[in-house]
Amino acid sequence: MYTIIVLLVLALPVVIFFSRIAAERSRIVRARLNETKGKNGGNRPRRKFASVVVLGDIGRSPRIMYHAVSLVEMGLGVNLIGYSGTNPLSSVLDSPNMKLFYLPVPKKLNAPKSSGGGLHRVVSQMFYIAAGVIRVIAQVATALKILLLDVPSSDFILIQNPPAIPTFLIVHVVAFLHNSRLVVDWHNLGYSVLALSLSASQPSRADGRGRKSLSSVIVAGAKAYEALLGTWGVHAHFTVTRAMKIKLINDWGVRAPIHVLYDKPPEDFHRLPRDESREFLGSFDPGPPLNLFGTSLSPTAPLGSSHRPVLVVSSCSYTEDDDLSILLRALALYSQTASSTMPDLFVVITGKGPLKARWEARIKVGRWEDEDIPLPLLTEGDVVSVMEPAPNAYDKVRLHTAFLSQEDYPRLLGCADVGVCLHASTSGLDLPMKVVDLFGCGTPVCALAYEW
């Protein structure tokens, strides 16, 4: 008898919780139905709304911003939800039919170090997992509060994946309560990004008895989570490549409609006329004056002539899947082997990310041709801007790092002679937006191979 009473007491909060969920969902459905009725009982069309969600910096999520702008142009009201940081596009900020809702930015977790003995490694991993669980719980709680209480209910919810954790869990709850249709835009596979992040400091391996490492178990769980919640109850899917679509159909058995939406550059990505190039590069100053188009360096001079250097631009997110060592080795080789009649190279690496300070410190160390030199141990908050010419050993190369505004970034690409993209997809299924931007400017690109 006492056991039954205890079980009833424990079950009461759960029953109340789900009863409130059901009541809230019914209220929203009734309110939405009432919105379609006119004052005299007649039906009238109701404007549709969409919530566009990204658990990332909105200003650094161009594809999501373009989705939001396109939905507004189609006549929908849009709620754009994500993290603050970089300023969004002006077309987002100036739209009267779009509202921005910012989520609290979660504290960054540093992966456990691979140094130390077996016990130290296990303890470090356990603390890392515990901190990750607490971080996810906090993300879910704060995101649900904002999406359910602050953001108006929507007919559609469009989300960017990755990150899959905890995005899918959050939006499934919101979609159920708001009676919304869920659409997923697949940029990449979240579990493959997690696998790379873990392997960077703790490579996956198995011991003699065939037991998998803790990292392997985490990645396997993340993959199962993504395969289930990323496909179940989803009304439609967008993918960035056809290869991604085939993956979802063949490996995960997706039956909902899948539309391949290749990234396309917006209108402000175009080749800059010579006069505009001269004016922009004359004002563009990541450090010392460039003088790229000074009195002796004319933009009208033929490409590759001794009258001006070749402008090379590489856009970088400074994550584990951006390997700048390839570019550094190539620049070292060029500087050491190029004849005096060949042009100098002026290289600008633009972007920001968690490994930027470490790569900038590595550039300053020199010896770019030596791939065995590790990245210095710095964090994202450290500032080590590269604001001077390359070391003396590379007299044919000048290298700068910079982070440009939303307005100046396409201008720089429009001036470039050559673009470089060293993004290596963790899944092998996504095409970098950086390449598409360079295509829009008519700039030839050197990039890693991808399946479209």
Protein backbone atom coordinates (compact mmCIF):
# COMPACT_ATOMS: atom_id res chain seq x y z
CA MET A 1 0.00 0.00 0.00
CA TYR A 2 2.78 2.40 0.94
CA THR A 3 4.58 1.54 -2.30
CA ILE A 4 1.53 2.53 -4.35
CA ILE A 5 1.23 5.83 -2.47
CA VAL A 6 4.92 6.63 -3.05
CA LEU A 7 4.60 5.84 -6.77
CA LEU A 8 1.53 8.08 -7.06
CA VAL A 9 3.33 10.93 -5.34
CA LEU A 10 6.34 10.56 -7.65
CA ALA A 11 4.16 10.32 -10.73
CA LEU A 12 2.03 13.36 -9.87
CA PRO A 13 4.53 16.01 -11.08
CA VAL A 14 5.01 14.09 -14.34
CA VAL A 15 1.24 13.88 -14.89
CA ILE A 16 0.82 17.59 -14.16
CA PHE A 17 3.68 18.45 -16.51
CA PHE A 18 2.29 16.51 -19.45
CA SER A 19 -1.23 17.76 -18.74
CA ARG A 20 0.01 21.34 -19.00
CA ILE A 21 1.79 20.49 -22.24
CA ALA A 22 -1.41 19.05 -23.70
CA ALA A 23 -3.44 22.05 -22.53
CA GLU A 24 -0.92 24.51 -23.97
CA ARG A 25 -0.90 22.69 -27.31
CA SER A 26 -4.71 22.71 -27.45
CA ARG A 27 -4.80 26.42 -26.65
CA ILE A 28 -2.35 27.23 -29.45
CA VAL A 29 -4.25 25.12 -31.98
CA ARG A 30 -7.56 26.81 -31.05
CA ALA A 31 -5.97 30.27 -31.25
CA ARG A 32 -4.54 29.53 -34.66
CA LEU A 33 -7.91 28.32 -35.93
CA ASN A 34 -9.63 31.43 -34.58
CA GLU A 35 -7.12 33.65 -36.39
CA THR A 36 -8.41 32.39 -39.72
CA LYS A 37 -11.97 33.58 -39.06
CA GLY A 38 -13.21 37.06 -39.94
CA LYS A 39 -15.15 39.29 -37.61
CA ASN A 40 -18.44 38.11 -39.09
CA GLY A 41 -17.52 34.45 -39.04
CA GLY A 42 -16.22 34.37 -42.61
CA ASN A 43 -12.87 32.86 -43.46
CA ARG A 44 -10.00 35.04 -44.54
CA PRO A 45 -6.42 34.14 -45.38
CA ARG A 46 -4.01 34.37 -42.45
CA ARG A 47 -0.42 35.41 -42.86
CA LYS A 48 1.92 32.49 -42.23
CA PHE A 49 4.93 32.69 -39.95
CA ALA A 50 8.20 30.79 -39.85
CA SER A 51 10.77 30.46 -37.09
CA VAL A 52 14.32 30.06 -38.37
CA VAL A 53 16.60 28.57 -35.69
CA VAL A 54 20.37 28.19 -35.56
CA LEU A 55 22.32 27.37 -32.39
CA GLY A 56 25.20 29.46 -33.63
CA ASP A 57 26.21 33.05 -34.34
CA ILE A 58 23.50 34.45 -36.63
CA GLY A 59 25.93 36.83 -38.31
CA ARG A 60 28.26 33.95 -39.18
CA SER A 61 25.45 31.77 -40.57
CA PRO A 62 24.96 33.22 -44.08
CA ARG A 63 22.82 30.39 -45.44
CA ILE A 64 20.35 30.71 -42.56
CA MET A 65 20.16 34.48 -43.02
CA TYR A 66 19.49 34.01 -46.74
CA HIS A 67 16.71 31.52 -45.89
CA ALA A 68 15.14 34.10 -43.57
CA VAL A 69 15.33 36.87 -46.17
CA SER A 70 13.85 34.58 -48.86
CA LEU A 71 10.93 33.64 -46.60
CA VAL A 72 10.18 37.33 -46.01
CA GLU A 73 10.26 37.94 -49.76
CA MET A 74 7.71 35.12 -50.13
CA GLY A 75 5.34 37.01 -47.83
CA LEU A 76 5.93 35.20 -44.54
CA GLY A 77 6.64 36.76 -41.20
CA VAL A 78 9.93 35.45 -39.82
CA ASN A 79 11.33 34.98 -36.34
CA LEU A 80 15.12 34.51 -36.55
CA ILE A 81 16.57 32.84 -33.46
CA GLY A 82 20.25 32.27 -32.65
CA TYR A 83 23.30 33.61 -30.84
CA SER A 84 24.57 37.17 -30.95
CA GLY A 85 28.12 38.08 -31.94
CA THR A 86 28.74 39.16 -35.52
CA ASN A 87 26.35 41.74 -36.95
CA PRO A 88 23.79 40.14 -39.29
CA LEU A 89 23.26 41.30 -42.87
CA SER A 90 21.62 44.67 -43.34
CA SER A 91 18.76 42.94 -45.19
CA VAL A 92 18.07 41.06 -41.95
CA LEU A 93 18.38 44.04 -39.62
CA ASP A 94 16.32 46.36 -41.82
CA SER A 95 13.44 44.00 -42.60
CA PRO A 96 10.15 45.13 -40.98
CA ASN A 97 8.75 41.60 -41.27
CA MET A 98 11.57 39.87 -39.41
CA LYS A 99 12.21 39.77 -35.67
CA LEU A 100 15.48 38.66 -34.08
CA PHE A 101 15.56 36.71 -30.84
CA TYR A 102 18.97 36.09 -29.27
CA LEU A 103 19.72 33.02 -27.16
CA PRO A 104 22.33 33.15 -24.37
CA VAL A 105 25.71 32.02 -25.72
CA PRO A 106 26.81 28.88 -23.84
CA LYS A 107 30.25 28.71 -22.30
CA LYS A 108 32.80 27.02 -24.55
CA LEU A 109 34.11 23.62 -23.45
CA ASN A 110 37.74 22.70 -23.99
CA ALA A 111 38.31 19.08 -24.99
CA PRO A 112 40.39 17.03 -22.51
CA LYS A 113 44.13 16.95 -23.10
CA SER A 114 45.68 13.73 -24.33
CA SER A 115 48.69 14.05 -21.99
CA GLY A 116 48.89 12.15 -18.71
CA GLY A 117 48.46 8.56 -17.63
CA GLY A 118 45.48 6.26 -18.03
CA LEU A 119 43.70 7.34 -14.84
CA HIS A 120 44.28 11.02 -15.55
CA ARG A 121 42.91 10.58 -19.06
CA VAL A 122 39.77 8.81 -17.82
CA VAL A 123 39.11 11.40 -15.11
CA SER A 124 39.59 14.24 -17.63
CA GLN A 125 37.13 12.62 -20.01
CA MET A 126 34.57 12.10 -17.22
CA PHE A 127 34.78 15.76 -16.20
CA TYR A 128 34.48 16.78 -19.86
CA ILE A 129 31.35 14.64 -20.30
CA ALA A 130 29.79 15.90 -17.07
CA ALA A 131 30.43 19.51 -18.06
CA GLY A 132 28.96 18.78 -21.50
CA VAL A 133 25.80 17.29 -19.99
CA ILE A 134 25.32 20.29 -17.72
CA ARG A 135 25.90 22.61 -20.68
CA VAL A 136 23.30 20.80 -22.79
CA ILE A 137 20.72 20.87 -19.96
CA ALA A 138 21.25 24.61 -19.55
CA GLN A 139 20.96 25.15 -23.30
CA VAL A 140 17.72 23.18 -23.49
CA ALA A 141 16.17 25.01 -20.54
CA THR A 142 17.02 28.53 -21.72
CA ALA A 143 16.18 27.84 -25.37
CA LEU A 144 12.79 26.30 -24.49
CA LYS A 145 11.97 29.25 -22.26
CA ILE A 146 12.65 31.74 -25.07
CA LEU A 147 11.10 29.71 -27.88
CA LEU A 148 7.93 28.91 -25.91
CA LEU A 149 7.40 32.15 -23.99
CA ASP A 150 9.02 34.93 -26.04
CA VAL A 151 8.86 33.78 -29.68
CA PRO A 152 5.34 33.72 -31.21
CA SER A 153 4.11 30.36 -32.49
CA SER A 154 4.92 29.64 -36.13
CA ASP A 155 3.51 27.51 -38.92
CA PHE A 156 6.99 26.25 -39.81
CA ILE A 157 10.25 25.81 -37.94
CA LEU A 158 13.38 25.74 -40.10
CA ILE A 159 16.57 24.67 -38.33
CA GLN A 160 20.21 24.42 -39.32
CA ASN A 161 22.07 21.20 -38.61
CA PRO A 162 24.68 20.94 -37.18
CA PRO A 163 24.69 21.37 -34.29
CA ALA A 164 22.35 18.44 -33.75
CA ILE A 165 22.76 18.42 -29.96
CA PRO A 166 20.61 19.79 -28.46
CA THR A 167 18.89 21.48 -31.43
CA PHE A 168 16.73 18.53 -32.51
CA LEU A 169 15.44 17.87 -28.99
CA ILE A 170 14.50 21.52 -28.49
CA VAL A 171 12.70 22.03 -31.80
CA HIS A 172 10.76 18.77 -31.55
CA VAL A 173 9.28 19.94 -28.24
CA VAL A 174 8.48 23.39 -29.64
CA ALA A 175 7.02 21.97 -32.87
CA PHE A 176 4.73 19.66 -30.88
CA LEU A 177 3.48 22.41 -28.56
CA HIS A 178 3.03 24.96 -31.35
CA ASN A 179 1.63 22.46 -33.85
CA SER A 180 4.36 23.56 -36.30
CA ARG A 181 5.83 21.73 -39.26
CA LEU A 182 9.53 21.00 -38.92
CA VAL A 183 12.04 21.49 -41.76
CA VAL A 184 15.75 20.62 -41.43
CA ASP A 185 18.52 22.24 -43.48
CA TRP A 186 21.45 19.82 -43.52
CA HIS A 187 24.80 21.66 -43.75
CA ASN A 188 26.78 18.70 -42.48
CA LEU A 189 26.45 15.74 -40.10
CA GLY A 190 26.71 16.78 -36.48
CA TYR A 191 28.20 13.53 -35.23
CA SER A 192 31.09 13.81 -37.71
CA VAL A 193 31.95 17.27 -36.35
CA LEU A 194 31.85 15.87 -32.79
CA ALA A 195 34.09 12.97 -33.81
CA LEU A 196 36.70 15.35 -35.20
CA SER A 197 36.55 17.56 -32.10
CA LEU A 198 37.11 14.58 -29.78
CA SER A 199 39.77 12.93 -31.91
CA ALA A 200 41.77 16.16 -32.05
CA SER A 201 42.75 15.67 -28.40
CA GLN A 202 41.78 12.07 -27.67
CA PRO A 203 42.06 9.73 -30.67
CA SER A 204 39.56 6.90 -30.75
CA ARG A 205 41.04 3.47 -30.21
CA ALA A 206 40.24 0.05 -28.82
CA ASP A 207 42.26 -1.99 -26.34
CA GLY A 208 43.26 -5.63 -26.72
CA ARG A 209 39.91 -6.89 -25.47
CA GLY A 210 38.05 -4.98 -28.16
CA ARG A 211 36.51 -2.39 -25.86
CA LYS A 212 35.88 0.88 -27.62
CA SER A 213 37.16 4.14 -26.20
CA LEU A 214 34.78 6.46 -24.41
CA SER A 215 35.00 8.91 -27.33
CA SER A 216 33.79 6.22 -29.73
CA VAL A 217 30.80 5.49 -27.53
CA ILE A 218 29.90 9.18 -27.35
CA VAL A 219 30.11 9.56 -31.13
CA ALA A 220 28.01 6.43 -31.69
CA GLY A 221 25.34 7.79 -29.33
CA ALA A 222 25.38 11.16 -31.07
CA LYS A 223 24.99 9.47 -34.46
CA ALA A 224 21.98 7.44 -33.26
CA TYR A 225 20.42 10.57 -31.74
CA GLU A 226 20.90 12.53 -34.97
CA ALA A 227 19.60 9.74 -37.19
CA LEU A 228 16.45 9.40 -35.06
CA LEU A 229 15.47 12.98 -34.20
CA GLY A 230 16.82 14.39 -37.45
CA THR A 231 14.44 12.28 -39.52
CA TRP A 232 11.46 11.36 -37.32
CA GLY A 233 8.53 13.78 -37.50
CA VAL A 234 10.28 16.06 -40.00
CA HIS A 235 8.05 17.46 -42.75
CA ALA A 236 10.83 18.19 -45.30
CA HIS A 237 14.60 18.43 -45.68
CA PHE A 238 17.06 20.71 -47.47
CA THR A 239 20.60 19.58 -48.25
CA VAL A 240 23.61 21.51 -49.54
CA THR A 241 24.70 18.75 -51.93
CA ARG A 242 23.20 15.79 -53.77
CA ALA A 243 25.68 13.53 -51.95
CA MET A 244 24.09 14.57 -48.64
CA LYS A 245 20.62 13.72 -49.99
CA ILE A 246 21.75 10.25 -51.07
CA LYS A 247 23.26 9.71 -47.60
CA LEU A 248 19.97 10.55 -45.85
CA ILE A 249 17.95 8.26 -48.14
CA ASN A 250 20.27 5.25 -48.30
CA ASP A 251 21.73 5.20 -44.79
CA TRP A 252 18.98 6.74 -42.66
CA GLY A 253 15.89 5.77 -44.64
CA VAL A 254 14.44 9.28 -44.95
CA ARG A 255 11.04 9.24 -46.67
CA ALA A 256 10.07 12.91 -46.36
CA PRO A 257 10.77 15.18 -49.36
CA ILE A 258 14.43 16.17 -49.70
CA HIS A 259 15.33 19.21 -51.79
CA VAL A 260 18.93 19.93 -52.80
CA LEU A 261 19.52 23.66 -52.41
CA TYR A 262 22.98 24.54 -53.62
CA ASP A 263 24.40 27.67 -52.06
CA LYS A 264 24.35 30.67 -54.33
CA PRO A 265 26.20 33.95 -53.73
CA PRO A 266 24.04 37.02 -53.07
CA GLU A 267 24.06 39.99 -55.36
CA ASP A 268 26.77 41.89 -53.48
CA PHE A 269 29.33 39.20 -54.41
CA HIS A 270 30.60 40.32 -57.81
CA ARG A 271 33.78 41.41 -59.54
CA LEU A 272 34.79 44.91 -58.46
CA PRO A 273 35.60 47.41 -61.23
CA ARG A 274 39.19 48.65 -61.29
CA ASP A 275 38.38 52.09 -59.90
CA GLU A 276 36.40 50.60 -57.00
CA SER A 277 39.19 48.09 -56.39
CA ARG A 278 41.74 50.90 -56.16
CA GLU A 279 39.53 52.85 -53.74
CA PHE A 280 38.74 49.85 -51.54
CA LEU A 281 42.26 48.47 -51.31
CA GLY A 282 43.55 51.96 -50.62
CA SER A 283 41.32 52.13 -47.52
CA PHE A 284 41.62 48.47 -46.52
CA ASP A 285 44.13 48.39 -43.68
CA PRO A 286 44.44 45.22 -41.55
CA GLY A 287 47.71 46.50 -40.15
CA PRO A 288 50.42 48.45 -41.93
CA PRO A 289 49.33 50.25 -45.09
CA LEU A 290 49.08 47.76 -47.91
CA ASN A 291 50.11 50.08 -50.74
CA LEU A 292 48.96 47.25 -52.98
CA PHE A 293 47.86 49.72 -55.59
CA GLY A 294 50.26 52.54 -54.79
CA THR A 295 51.98 54.80 -57.26
CA SER A 296 54.14 52.00 -58.61
CA LEU A 297 51.54 49.23 -58.29
CA SER A 298 48.78 49.85 -60.78
CA PRO A 299 45.56 47.74 -60.78
CA THR A 300 45.54 48.11 -64.57
CA ALA A 301 48.79 46.18 -64.85
CA PRO A 302 48.42 42.65 -66.22
CA LEU A 303 48.07 39.84 -63.69
CA GLY A 304 51.46 38.35 -62.92
CA SER A 305 53.46 41.31 -64.15
CA SER A 306 56.24 42.75 -62.06
CA HIS A 307 54.21 45.94 -61.63
CA ARG A 308 51.89 44.50 -58.99
CA PRO A 309 51.65 41.48 -56.68
CA VAL A 310 49.01 38.78 -56.99
CA LEU A 311 46.28 39.21 -54.38
CA VAL A 312 45.41 35.83 -52.81
CA VAL A 313 42.48 35.59 -50.38
CA SER A 314 41.72 32.61 -48.16
CA SER A 315 38.53 32.57 -46.07
CA CYS A 316 38.92 30.49 -42.92
CA SER A 317 36.68 29.48 -40.02
CA TYR A 318 39.70 28.46 -37.91
CA THR A 319 38.25 25.12 -36.83
CA GLU A 320 39.73 21.62 -36.79
CA ASP A 321 38.64 21.06 -40.40
CA ASP A 322 40.57 24.08 -41.76
CA ASP A 323 44.20 23.05 -42.32
CA LEU A 324 46.20 26.20 -43.06
CA SER A 325 49.48 24.24 -43.00
CA ILE A 326 48.83 23.33 -46.65
CA LEU A 327 48.77 27.02 -47.60
CA LEU A 328 51.81 27.86 -45.48
CA ARG A 329 53.89 25.09 -47.07
CA ALA A 330 52.82 26.23 -50.55
CA LEU A 331 53.77 29.86 -49.80
CA ALA A 332 57.15 28.77 -48.45
CA LEU A 333 57.78 26.66 -51.54
CA TYR A 334 56.80 29.51 -53.87
CA SER A 335 58.99 32.05 -52.11
CA GLN A 336 61.98 29.73 -52.16
CA THR A 337 61.69 28.61 -55.79
CA ALA A 338 60.10 31.52 -57.69
CA SER A 339 62.37 33.45 -59.99
CA SER A 340 62.83 37.20 -59.73
CA THR A 341 60.56 37.76 -62.73
CA MET A 342 57.62 36.04 -61.07
CA PRO A 343 55.21 38.27 -59.10
CA ASP A 344 55.12 38.67 -55.36
CA LEU A 345 52.13 37.25 -53.50
CA PHE A 346 50.04 39.34 -51.15
CA VAL A 347 47.97 36.89 -49.06
CA VAL A 348 45.04 37.85 -46.83
CA ILE A 349 43.50 35.20 -44.56
CA THR A 350 40.12 36.47 -43.41
CA GLY A 351 37.79 35.04 -40.79
CA LYS A 352 37.66 34.16 -37.11
CA GLY A 353 37.16 31.07 -35.02
CA PRO A 354 38.37 29.08 -32.02
CA LEU A 355 41.85 28.30 -33.47
CA LYS A 356 42.61 31.72 -34.94
CA ALA A 357 45.06 32.81 -32.23
CA ARG A 358 46.94 29.51 -32.49
CA TRP A 359 47.29 29.74 -36.27
CA GLU A 360 48.41 33.37 -36.07
CA ALA A 361 51.05 32.38 -33.52
CA ARG A 362 52.12 29.54 -35.81
CA ILE A 363 52.51 31.96 -38.74
CA LYS A 364 54.74 34.21 -36.62
CA VAL A 365 56.98 31.28 -35.67
CA GLY A 366 58.07 30.92 -39.31
CA ARG A 367 59.49 27.74 -40.86
CA TRP A 368 56.22 27.30 -42.74
CA GLU A 369 57.61 24.41 -44.73
CA ASP A 370 58.02 22.34 -41.55
CA GLU A 371 54.73 20.51 -40.99
CA ASP A 372 55.99 18.92 -37.77
CA ILE A 373 55.80 22.17 -35.80
CA PRO A 374 52.63 21.97 -33.63
CA LEU A 375 50.18 24.81 -33.13
CA PRO A 376 51.04 26.88 -30.03
CA LEU A 377 48.72 26.30 -27.08
CA LEU A 378 46.50 29.39 -27.08
CA THR A 379 42.77 29.95 -26.59
CA GLU A 380 40.20 31.80 -28.68
CA GLY A 381 40.39 34.85 -26.42
CA ASP A 382 44.11 35.42 -27.02
CA VAL A 383 45.02 38.06 -29.61
CA VAL A 384 48.02 37.39 -31.85
CA SER A 385 47.12 39.34 -35.00
CA VAL A 386 49.48 38.92 -37.93
CA MET A 387 50.00 42.53 -38.98
CA GLU A 388 53.41 42.48 -40.61
CA PRO A 389 55.03 40.99 -43.68
CA ALA A 390 56.07 37.37 -43.69
CA PRO A 391 59.44 36.40 -42.12
CA ASN A 392 62.53 37.35 -44.12
CA ALA A 393 62.87 33.80 -45.44
CA TYR A 394 59.78 34.41 -47.57
CA ASP A 395 60.61 37.64 -49.37
CA LYS A 396 58.20 36.85 -52.22
CA VAL A 397 55.22 36.69 -49.85
CA ARG A 398 53.38 39.18 -47.64
CA LEU A 399 50.76 37.61 -45.37
CA HIS A 400 48.10 39.30 -43.25
CA THR A 401 45.16 38.06 -41.19
CA ALA A 402 42.01 40.13 -40.88
CA PHE A 403 38.32 39.93 -40.02
CA LEU A 404 36.13 41.95 -42.34
CA SER A 405 32.64 43.37 -41.97
CA GLN A 406 29.68 41.96 -43.88
CA GLU A 407 30.07 44.82 -46.37
CA ASP A 408 33.85 44.67 -46.87
CA TYR A 409 34.17 40.89 -47.19
CA PRO A 410 32.56 40.65 -50.67
CA ARG A 411 34.60 43.69 -51.79
CA LEU A 412 37.85 41.96 -50.90
CA LEU A 413 36.81 38.80 -52.74
CA GLY A 414 35.85 40.97 -55.72
CA CYS A 415 39.39 42.33 -55.85
CA ALA A 416 41.19 39.00 -55.43
CA ASP A 417 43.12 37.33 -58.23
CA VAL A 418 42.97 33.88 -56.63
CA GLY A 419 40.92 32.36 -53.82
CA VAL A 420 42.00 29.50 -51.55
CA CYS A 421 39.69 27.26 -49.51
CA LEU A 422 41.21 24.59 -47.27
CA HIS A 423 38.02 23.46 -45.56
CA ALA A 424 38.03 19.67 -45.24
CA SER A 425 34.49 18.42 -44.64
CA THR A 426 34.17 16.16 -41.62
CA SER A 427 31.53 14.12 -43.48
CA GLY A 428 32.77 14.67 -47.04
CA LEU A 429 29.23 15.70 -47.97
CA ASP A 430 29.09 19.49 -47.60
CA LEU A 431 30.33 22.19 -49.97
CA PRO A 432 31.89 25.24 -48.27
CA MET A 433 30.02 28.52 -48.66
CA LYS A 434 33.42 30.20 -49.04
CA VAL A 435 33.88 28.60 -52.46
CA VAL A 436 30.44 29.76 -53.58
CA ASP A 437 31.22 33.35 -52.54
CA LEU A 438 34.39 33.31 -54.64
CA PHE A 439 32.47 31.89 -57.60
CA GLY A 440 30.06 34.80 -57.33
CA CYS A 441 32.98 37.22 -57.65
CA GLY A 442 34.33 35.39 -60.68
CA THR A 443 37.50 34.53 -58.76
CA PRO A 444 39.28 31.24 -59.56
CA VAL A 445 39.47 28.96 -56.52
CA CYS A 446 42.01 26.41 -55.30
CA ALA A 447 40.11 24.05 -52.98
CA LEU A 448 39.95 20.48 -51.75
CA ALA A 449 37.86 18.13 -53.90
CA TYR A 450 34.18 17.60 -53.03
CA GLU A 451 31.27 15.51 -54.25
CA TRP A 452 28.43 17.77 -55.36
